[in-house]
Every structure is written in structure tokens, then in C-alpha cells.
């Protein structure tokens, strides 16, 4: 009886992982049929919106490095410094002071990650808004100041941030993004899709879309997804010879693939490993993005969803200040 039960448990666990691996391989086989992303040109000015340090290298480590090596310029705008990840601070219940120290550490890791890609430290622009707080800034705290329950901060406070002292409001963040876009004049803007499962990523999408629309730059937007659902991406761990397949939450998006050279894959791995505070806890998840390609979509949501939303009288991009 004991042996039969043990075999049953083994079959359940291994069968589940075998099925997941099979699913990933089948999905990956379809990647090579996707259209190619137009390659960066010599005068490319690439701006990447990252909700937290590490999102930029997971989504675009290869593309950022390619742009820099071909004579273009890259700017990575970190909306938060990742100051709400309590386990990364060293304990399940860290103090606000410990989480503020974590933010400074993650900013250093972000710069080292960019250096691993061949980018200068000036490529990083830290805004210092609250981790796990971007969604409230877009909805209930567009005008009213927000206090982070993790750090106790109500305004941008970290050394090295672009505009210290700015209040934690959606209005301040949106105005800052407009200012950055206007001054940098990007030819391409990478930002999360609103289909991403993480609330900070969704809010980054909305803020970025609004800022670009105010400047007439909507045609320069490209979207990525990190938190893609169903344990995405599978298999976990480092698999540099496997393709990255479209995430379940991005089903229906017109994905474009960006193939990476072996050297670009190695550089991306080094950049991911530079985020040591995250690697300690999430290494298998983070390294699963080090694949032979990256994926981007020129649309934030599938076209059919946008059409259905218009027919029902709902805006795909909510009005600022609304709770949705």
C-alpha cells in the first residue's frame, strides 16, 4: 500500500512537470513562425519603462544591448526602486528602514545590470515612486498623496532619484513621465502590457500610454509581459537555447520576436544575475527569461478586445482618477 501510494505521488508530480514541459515545447515551436521585430537603427533612442529594477533586463536585456552597440542611446526609467519586497529585505516582517535600504541596494543592482549589457550608468533614471503603490496612484491617489505602507514614505526620498521631494500622486508621476519623454525624444518606447498580472505593471502601462498620448507618441509604443500567468515562462531555470514563447495572458496579441546572438544571451544572463537581492529568492523565475529571443507586441491588448470595449462603451484606457 505504501509503495503504491508513493508511486501515485511520484506519477502525479512528475506527470505534472512533464506535461508543463511538453506544453512549453509545443508553444516554443510556434515562436519561430512569429514576425521579426524591426531591428534597431544606428540613431535609435530606446526608452524602457520598468516598474521595478530587474523588469528591464528580463523584458529587454538583449534589445537594450543591441541598441547601445549599434550606436543608439538607451534610457531606462524605473518608476519604483522595488522597496516593498519584504522577503528580499532579509525577514518576513522588515522595518520601514530595512525596506528603504533595500531600495538603495536594488538601485545599485540595476546600474550593475545595465553595465553588464554595455550601457553606461547614466542610462538609468530612478523616479522613486512606491513599489506596490502605482495602481493606487493611477486610481484613488491621482490627486491625493499616497503613503507607502511598507516604507512610510509619502514623497520621493531616495538619493539619486530624478526629482526628490515629489509627492506620491499619480498627477506628479504622469507629469514627470511627460517631461522625460519630451526631453529624451525616444524613437521607441517599451512598457508593460496592461494584460500583465502584476498591478504595478498594469499601472505603468496606463501611465506610459497616457504620457505618450499627450505627446502624440502612441505609434512608438511596444509592449512586453513579465508576469504572464500559468507559471510563465516554463520550464523554469536557465535554458538559453530555448525560445521564449508568448505568455498565456498575452494570448491574441500580435507578438514580434527579437532573436539574440549567443553573446547577447550571455550578456543578458550576467545582467539578470546582477540583481542579487532578487536572485536569492527568484533565480529560477528570473533566469527563465534568458532565452534565444525576446518578445514585443505593438498593441497593448488584442484588437478584438479593444473593439468589444468600444462597442460596449468602455474605454480600454480608464480615465484618470477612476476606480476600475
Foldseek 3Di string as FASTA:
>chain_A
DVVVVVVVVVCVVVVVQVVLQVVLQVLLVCQVVAAADPADAQAAEEEEEAQEQLRCLLFDLLNQLRNVVSNYHAAYEHAALQLQPCVLLPDPQDALVSSLVSSVLSLVLSLVLCVLSVHHSNSYAYAHADDVCLLCQQAAFQPPFDADPRNRDQFRDDPRHDDGPHGRHNVSVLVVLLVVCVVSVGQAYEAAFLLAPDSSRVSRVLSNCVSCVVVVNLQRYKHAYQRQDPLPPPPFAADAATDHGHGPSQPQFSKHKHFGDPVSLVSSVSSSVSSVSCCVPQVRSSNNSSYRIHIIGSDSHHPVVCVVCVVVVHHPNDDGHHDD
